[in-house]
Amino acid sequence: MFDRKTIQKIALAGILAAVGVVGGTLSIPVGFTRCCPTQSVINVIAGVFLGPWYSVGMAFCVSLIRNMLGTGTIMAFPGSMCGALLAGLLYRRWPKIWTACLGEMVGTGILASIMAYPIAKYLLGKACGLFTYFLPFMTVAVTGSIIAAVLVFILNKDGAMAAMRDISHMD
């Protein structure tokens, strides 16, 4: 039914989703915001190893589970899915870790913060401006991207990246 690579990708997406659900409860105070970079870290990792479509699916699952558990908000959907998609797409086009990080920062920090505005205004009834979510979303995206870049650098140095490349050929 499924080939070996598909099963490996689904398994890795599941592991990353579990990390995202558990890690979503961790936060770091950054200025006047609380930064929860775990989702951004796994978005970049998934973009590198799984490609854009598995990354978006993984991000959706994390957001859904966190909302069901009460540890996330509806803002998790655009916040995670935009970054995951762009990280995967940019890495697919230019396979460098910095392109996946850039995709995460643009996707989560800019696009998702703009998409959060109508959700907050019309679905949640909150009075806010178009760029209300820019600073918190960008803080998370930049912090998570830096952590992910360091992790991928370590994986590359230890030779784990070579082993992961067998399953990481994009869909």
Protein backbone atom coordinates (compact mmCIF):
# COMPACT_ATOMS: atom_id res chain seq x y z
CA MET A 1 0.00 0.00 0.00
CA PHE A 2 2.69 2.54 1.03
CA ASP A 3 6.29 2.39 -0.01
CA ARG A 4 9.14 2.51 2.50
CA LYS A 5 9.95 6.21 1.99
CA THR A 6 6.32 7.23 2.54
CA ILE A 7 6.16 5.26 5.79
CA GLN A 8 9.44 6.81 6.94
CA LYS A 9 8.18 10.30 6.15
CA ILE A 10 4.90 9.70 7.99
CA ALA A 11 6.82 8.35 10.99
CA LEU A 12 9.17 11.34 11.07
CA ALA A 13 6.21 13.72 10.70
CA GLY A 14 4.55 11.96 13.64
CA ILE A 15 7.66 12.27 15.79
CA LEU A 16 8.00 15.96 14.93
CA ALA A 17 4.30 16.47 15.67
CA ALA A 18 4.75 14.86 19.09
CA VAL A 19 7.71 17.14 19.77
CA GLY A 20 5.59 20.11 18.68
CA VAL A 21 2.71 19.19 20.98
CA VAL A 22 4.91 18.59 24.01
CA GLY A 23 7.31 21.44 23.22
CA GLY A 24 4.44 23.85 22.64
CA THR A 25 4.10 24.24 26.39
CA LEU A 26 7.66 25.55 26.74
CA SER A 27 8.20 29.28 26.46
CA ILE A 28 11.04 31.74 26.82
CA PRO A 29 10.43 35.34 27.92
CA VAL A 30 11.72 37.70 25.22
CA GLY A 31 11.12 41.34 26.05
CA PHE A 32 7.40 41.78 26.61
CA THR A 33 6.45 38.58 24.75
CA ARG A 34 6.68 34.90 25.57
CA CYS A 35 8.48 33.04 22.82
CA CYS A 36 7.53 29.41 22.11
CA PRO A 37 10.01 28.50 19.37
CA THR A 38 9.38 24.74 19.23
CA GLN A 39 6.95 24.94 16.32
CA SER A 40 9.36 27.06 14.30
CA VAL A 41 12.18 24.61 15.02
CA ILE A 42 10.17 21.64 13.81
CA ASN A 43 8.88 23.61 10.81
CA VAL A 44 12.44 24.15 9.60
CA ILE A 45 13.43 20.54 10.37
CA ALA A 46 10.34 19.24 8.57
CA GLY A 47 10.93 21.59 5.64
CA VAL A 48 14.45 20.21 5.25
CA PHE A 49 13.69 16.52 5.77
CA LEU A 50 10.08 16.11 4.65
CA GLY A 51 9.29 18.82 2.12
CA PRO A 52 6.43 21.32 2.04
CA TRP A 53 3.38 19.04 2.00
CA TYR A 54 4.31 16.74 4.86
CA SER A 55 5.45 19.84 6.77
CA VAL A 56 2.08 21.53 6.39
CA GLY A 57 0.29 18.33 7.41
CA MET A 58 2.51 18.00 10.46
CA ALA A 59 1.96 21.66 11.41
CA PHE A 60 -1.81 21.27 11.02
CA CYS A 61 -1.80 18.18 13.27
CA VAL A 62 0.24 19.97 15.96
CA SER A 63 -2.11 22.97 15.88
CA LEU A 64 -5.21 20.76 16.00
CA ILE A 65 -3.94 18.63 18.89
CA ARG A 66 -2.75 21.66 20.88
CA ASN A 67 -6.14 23.33 20.41
CA MET A 68 -7.93 20.15 21.49
CA LEU A 69 -5.71 19.95 24.59
CA GLY A 70 -6.21 23.63 25.38
CA THR A 71 -2.52 24.47 25.07
CA GLY A 72 -2.84 26.41 21.80
CA THR A 73 -5.06 28.99 20.17
CA ILE A 74 -6.62 29.29 16.75
CA MET A 75 -3.64 31.50 15.83
CA ALA A 76 -1.51 28.34 15.84
CA PHE A 77 -2.97 27.30 12.48
CA PRO A 78 -1.73 30.17 10.32
CA GLY A 79 1.32 30.63 12.54
CA SER A 80 2.56 27.11 12.02
CA MET A 81 1.27 26.19 8.58
CA CYS A 82 2.53 29.25 6.66
CA GLY A 83 6.03 28.84 8.03
CA ALA A 84 6.09 25.10 7.41
CA LEU A 85 4.93 25.51 3.81
CA LEU A 86 7.39 28.26 2.95
CA ALA A 87 10.29 26.52 4.71
CA GLY A 88 9.65 23.39 2.65
CA LEU A 89 9.11 25.23 -0.63
CA LEU A 90 12.22 27.38 -0.34
CA TYR A 91 14.37 24.44 0.77
CA ARG A 92 13.06 22.40 -2.16
CA ARG A 93 14.04 25.16 -4.61
CA TRP A 94 17.37 26.12 -2.97
CA PRO A 95 18.50 23.26 -0.67
CA LYS A 96 20.36 25.29 1.93
CA ILE A 97 19.40 25.48 5.60
CA TRP A 98 19.25 29.27 5.47
CA THR A 99 16.51 29.11 2.80
CA ALA A 100 14.36 26.93 5.06
CA CYS A 101 14.96 29.38 7.92
CA LEU A 102 14.10 32.31 5.67
CA GLY A 103 10.90 30.51 4.63
CA GLU A 104 9.97 30.01 8.27
CA MET A 105 10.62 33.66 9.10
CA VAL A 106 8.68 35.03 6.12
CA GLY A 107 5.89 32.46 6.42
CA THR A 108 5.35 32.72 10.16
CA GLY A 109 6.70 36.18 10.85
CA ILE A 110 5.06 38.05 7.98
CA LEU A 111 2.39 36.03 6.16
CA ALA A 112 0.90 34.33 9.22
CA SER A 113 0.91 37.56 11.23
CA ILE A 114 -1.11 39.20 8.44
CA MET A 115 -3.46 36.18 8.22
CA ALA A 116 -3.99 36.36 11.98
CA TYR A 117 -5.57 39.80 11.68
CA PRO A 118 -8.91 38.74 10.13
CA ILE A 119 -9.05 35.73 12.45
CA ALA A 120 -8.62 37.96 15.49
CA LYS A 121 -10.93 40.68 14.24
CA TYR A 122 -13.79 38.72 12.70
CA LEU A 123 -13.70 35.29 14.36
CA LEU A 124 -12.56 36.32 17.84
CA GLY A 125 -14.01 39.84 17.82
CA LYS A 126 -10.77 41.44 19.03
CA ALA A 127 -9.92 45.00 18.08
CA CYS A 128 -6.44 44.88 16.61
CA GLY A 129 -4.31 46.29 13.84
CA LEU A 130 -3.01 44.55 10.73
CA PHE A 131 0.46 44.06 12.21
CA THR A 132 -0.56 43.32 15.80
CA TYR A 133 0.88 39.81 15.61
CA PHE A 134 4.02 40.73 13.67
CA LEU A 135 6.41 41.14 16.62
CA PRO A 136 5.39 38.01 18.56
CA PHE A 137 5.22 35.83 15.42
CA MET A 138 8.54 37.14 14.08
CA THR A 139 10.22 36.71 17.47
CA VAL A 140 9.16 33.06 17.54
CA ALA A 141 10.16 32.48 13.90
CA VAL A 142 13.62 34.03 14.24
CA THR A 143 14.38 32.28 17.53
CA GLY A 144 13.14 28.92 16.24
CA SER A 145 15.02 29.29 12.95
CA ILE A 146 18.28 29.98 14.76
CA ILE A 147 17.80 26.94 16.98
CA ALA A 148 16.89 24.78 13.97
CA ALA A 149 19.93 26.00 12.00
CA VAL A 150 22.20 25.05 14.91
CA LEU A 151 20.52 21.62 15.20
CA VAL A 152 20.87 20.94 11.47
CA PHE A 153 24.50 22.10 11.59
CA ILE A 154 25.16 19.62 14.41
CA LEU A 155 23.33 16.83 12.56
CA ASN A 156 25.38 17.61 9.46
CA LYS A 157 28.65 17.61 11.39
CA ASP A 158 27.84 14.28 13.06
CA GLY A 159 26.89 12.65 9.77
CA ALA A 160 23.22 12.22 10.67
CA MET A 161 22.19 14.45 7.77
CA ALA A 162 23.65 11.99 5.27
CA ALA A 163 21.56 9.19 6.79
CA MET A 164 18.43 11.35 6.80
CA ARG A 165 18.86 12.34 3.15
CA ASP A 166 17.73 8.84 2.13
CA ILE A 167 14.18 9.65 3.23
CA SER A 168 14.28 13.37 2.63
CA HIS A 169 13.96 13.39 -1.14
CA MET A 170 10.96 15.59 -1.60
CA ASP A 171 7.54 14.35 -2.64
